[in-house]
C-alpha atoms as a PDB file:
ATOM      1  CA  UNK A   1      18.460 -26.724 -14.435  1.00  0.00           C
ATOM      2  CA  UNK A   2      14.924 -27.137 -13.154  1.00  0.00           C
ATOM      3  CA  UNK A   3      13.647 -27.206 -16.704  1.00  0.00           C
ATOM      4  CA  UNK A   4      10.296 -25.000 -15.870  1.00  0.00           C
ATOM      5  CA  UNK A   5      10.150 -22.122 -18.472  1.00  0.00           C
ATOM      6  CA  UNK A   6       6.948 -21.208 -16.669  1.00  0.00           C
ATOM      7  CA  UNK A   7       7.983 -19.856 -13.353  1.00  0.00           C
ATOM      8  CA  UNK A   8       7.471 -16.524 -13.146  1.00  0.00           C
ATOM      9  CA  UNK A   9       7.061 -14.958  -9.726  1.00  0.00           C
ATOM     10  CA  UNK A  10       8.189 -14.846  -6.001  1.00  0.00           C
ATOM     11  CA  UNK A  11       9.472 -18.114  -4.708  1.00  0.00           C
ATOM     12  CA  UNK A  12       9.680 -19.687  -8.409  1.00  0.00           C
ATOM     13  CA  UNK A  13       5.818 -20.012  -8.469  1.00  0.00           C
ATOM     14  CA  UNK A  14       4.078 -20.248 -11.244  1.00  0.00           C
ATOM     15  CA  UNK A  15       1.052 -17.999 -12.072  1.00  0.00           C
ATOM     16  CA  UNK A  16      -1.354 -20.496 -11.206  1.00  0.00           C
ATOM     17  CA  UNK A  17       0.384 -20.930  -7.806  1.00  0.00           C
ATOM     18  CA  UNK A  18       0.253 -17.444  -7.342  1.00  0.00           C
ATOM     19  CA  UNK A  19      -3.706 -17.031  -8.124  1.00  0.00           C
ATOM     20  CA  UNK A  20      -4.508 -19.367  -5.476  1.00  0.00           C
ATOM     21  CA  UNK A  21      -2.787 -17.074  -2.914  1.00  0.00           C
ATOM     22  CA  UNK A  22      -4.514 -14.075  -4.479  1.00  0.00           C
ATOM     23  CA  UNK A  23      -8.102 -12.963  -3.425  1.00  0.00           C
ATOM     24  CA  UNK A  24     -10.654  -9.845  -4.669  1.00  0.00           C
ATOM     25  CA  UNK A  25     -11.895  -7.924  -2.487  1.00  0.00           C
ATOM     26  CA  UNK A  26     -14.724  -5.353  -3.758  1.00  0.00           C
ATOM     27  CA  UNK A  27     -17.506  -2.891  -1.901  1.00  0.00           C
ATOM     28  CA  UNK A  28     -14.390  -0.738  -0.342  1.00  0.00           C
ATOM     29  CA  UNK A  29     -15.390   2.336   1.182  1.00  0.00           C
ATOM     30  CA  UNK A  30     -13.550   5.001  -0.511  1.00  0.00           C
ATOM     31  CA  UNK A  31     -11.612   6.108   2.611  1.00  0.00           C
ATOM     32  CA  UNK A  32     -10.055   2.547   2.786  1.00  0.00           C
ATOM     33  CA  UNK A  33      -5.916   3.150   2.577  1.00  0.00           C
ATOM     34  CA  UNK A  34      -3.597   0.495   1.263  1.00  0.00           C
ATOM     35  CA  UNK A  35      -2.455   0.140   4.950  1.00  0.00           C
ATOM     36  CA  UNK A  36      -5.850  -0.107   6.273  1.00  0.00           C
ATOM     37  CA  UNK A  37      -6.325  -2.931   3.746  1.00  0.00           C
ATOM     38  CA  UNK A  38      -3.519  -4.669   4.493  1.00  0.00           C
ATOM     39  CA  UNK A  39      -3.841  -4.487   8.418  1.00  0.00           C
ATOM     40  CA  UNK A  40      -7.020  -6.137   8.129  1.00  0.00           C
ATOM     41  CA  UNK A  41      -6.762  -9.115   6.021  1.00  0.00           C
ATOM     42  CA  UNK A  42      -2.854  -9.847   7.969  1.00  0.00           C
ATOM     43  CA  UNK A  43      -5.044 -11.193  10.688  1.00  0.00           C
ATOM     44  CA  UNK A  44      -5.530 -14.595   8.153  1.00  0.00           C
ATOM     45  CA  UNK A  45      -2.079 -14.850   7.686  1.00  0.00           C
ATOM     46  CA  UNK A  46       1.286 -12.887   6.135  1.00  0.00           C
ATOM     47  CA  UNK A  47       0.470 -10.856   3.225  1.00  0.00           C
ATOM     48  CA  UNK A  48       2.994 -10.819   0.001  1.00  0.00           C
ATOM     49  CA  UNK A  49       0.993  -8.125  -1.744  1.00  0.00           C
ATOM     50  CA  UNK A  50      -1.883  -5.775  -1.023  1.00  0.00           C
ATOM     51  CA  UNK A  51      -3.121  -3.393  -3.373  1.00  0.00           C
ATOM     52  CA  UNK A  52      -6.293  -0.980  -3.381  1.00  0.00           C
ATOM     53  CA  UNK A  53      -7.437   0.426  -7.084  1.00  0.00           C
ATOM     54  CA  UNK A  54      -7.593   4.185  -7.509  1.00  0.00           C
ATOM     55  CA  UNK A  55      -8.413   5.924 -10.573  1.00  0.00           C
ATOM     56  CA  UNK A  56      -5.488   7.424 -12.636  1.00  0.00           C
ATOM     57  CA  UNK A  57      -7.400  10.576 -13.599  1.00  0.00           C
ATOM     58  CA  UNK A  58      -9.141  11.296 -10.344  1.00  0.00           C
ATOM     59  CA  UNK A  59      -7.062   9.530  -7.632  1.00  0.00           C
ATOM     60  CA  UNK A  60     -10.233   8.099  -5.763  1.00  0.00           C
ATOM     61  CA  UNK A  61     -10.205   4.729  -4.693  1.00  0.00           C
ATOM     62  CA  UNK A  62     -12.296   2.354  -7.467  1.00  0.00           C
ATOM     63  CA  UNK A  63     -13.624   0.232  -4.529  1.00  0.00           C
ATOM     64  CA  UNK A  64     -11.756  -2.709  -4.716  1.00  0.00           C
ATOM     65  CA  UNK A  65      -8.424  -4.409  -4.053  1.00  0.00           C
ATOM     66  CA  UNK A  66      -6.546  -7.403  -4.135  1.00  0.00           C
ATOM     67  CA  UNK A  67      -4.555  -9.462  -1.243  1.00  0.00           C
ATOM     68  CA  UNK A  68      -2.035 -11.968  -1.906  1.00  0.00           C
ATOM     69  CA  UNK A  69      -1.026 -14.037   0.628  1.00  0.00           C
ATOM     70  CA  UNK A  70       2.056 -15.825   1.327  1.00  0.00           C
ATOM     71  CA  UNK A  71       0.352 -19.404   1.180  1.00  0.00           C
ATOM     72  CA  UNK A  72      -3.001 -20.744   0.217  1.00  0.00           C
ATOM     73  CA  UNK A  73      -4.417 -21.658   3.801  1.00  0.00           C
ATOM     74  CA  UNK A  74      -4.645 -17.818   4.498  1.00  0.00           C
ATOM     75  CA  UNK A  75      -7.022 -17.821   1.665  1.00  0.00           C
ATOM     76  CA  UNK A  76      -9.029 -20.876   3.417  1.00  0.00           C
ATOM     77  CA  UNK A  77      -9.321 -19.018   6.339  1.00  0.00           C
ATOM     78  CA  UNK A  78     -10.550 -15.397   4.789  1.00  0.00           C
ATOM     79  CA  UNK A  79     -13.171 -17.701   3.146  1.00  0.00           C
ATOM     80  CA  UNK A  80     -14.403 -19.116   6.539  1.00  0.00           C
ATOM     81  CA  UNK A  81     -15.817 -16.071   7.438  1.00  0.00           C
ATOM     82  CA  UNK A  82     -18.933 -15.378   6.515  1.00  0.00           C
ATOM     83  CA  UNK A  83     -18.712 -11.311   6.778  1.00  0.00           C
ATOM     84  CA  UNK A  84     -16.161  -9.166   6.383  1.00  0.00           C
ATOM     85  CA  UNK A  85     -16.279  -5.189   7.335  1.00  0.00           C
ATOM     86  CA  UNK A  86     -13.693  -2.656   6.943  1.00  0.00           C
ATOM     87  CA  UNK A  87     -14.313   1.044   8.073  1.00  0.00           C
ATOM     88  CA  UNK A  88     -18.073  -0.171   8.617  1.00  0.00           C
ATOM     89  CA  UNK A  89     -18.590  -1.680   5.251  1.00  0.00           C
ATOM     90  CA  UNK A  90     -19.298  -4.958   4.433  1.00  0.00           C
ATOM     91  CA  UNK A  91     -17.105  -5.966   1.637  1.00  0.00           C
ATOM     92  CA  UNK A  92     -17.478  -9.267  -0.795  1.00  0.00           C
ATOM     93  CA  UNK A  93     -14.530 -11.622  -1.021  1.00  0.00           C
ATOM     94  CA  UNK A  94     -13.974 -13.663  -3.741  1.00  0.00           C
ATOM     95  CA  UNK A  95     -10.891 -16.484  -4.459  1.00  0.00           C
END
């Protein structure tokens, strides 16, 4: 046994380790699809998850999403870029 009762995710990583691989992206154009969202950020590294948040009632984009990378170095690469633009709109990126 490893004795690690706090492991809760892919690859046996703790939640805090998963959070270090996750970024928030705000200011998305309403026309950005989950596939386009993932494709843009895959230039920085392999993604484990990419989610554009939608309103449950209207099914319209809420204008933000989350990317989880396979490793933390990808987050560093994203944060080194001053301006990210998807579908003609500059978006805000936060670790």
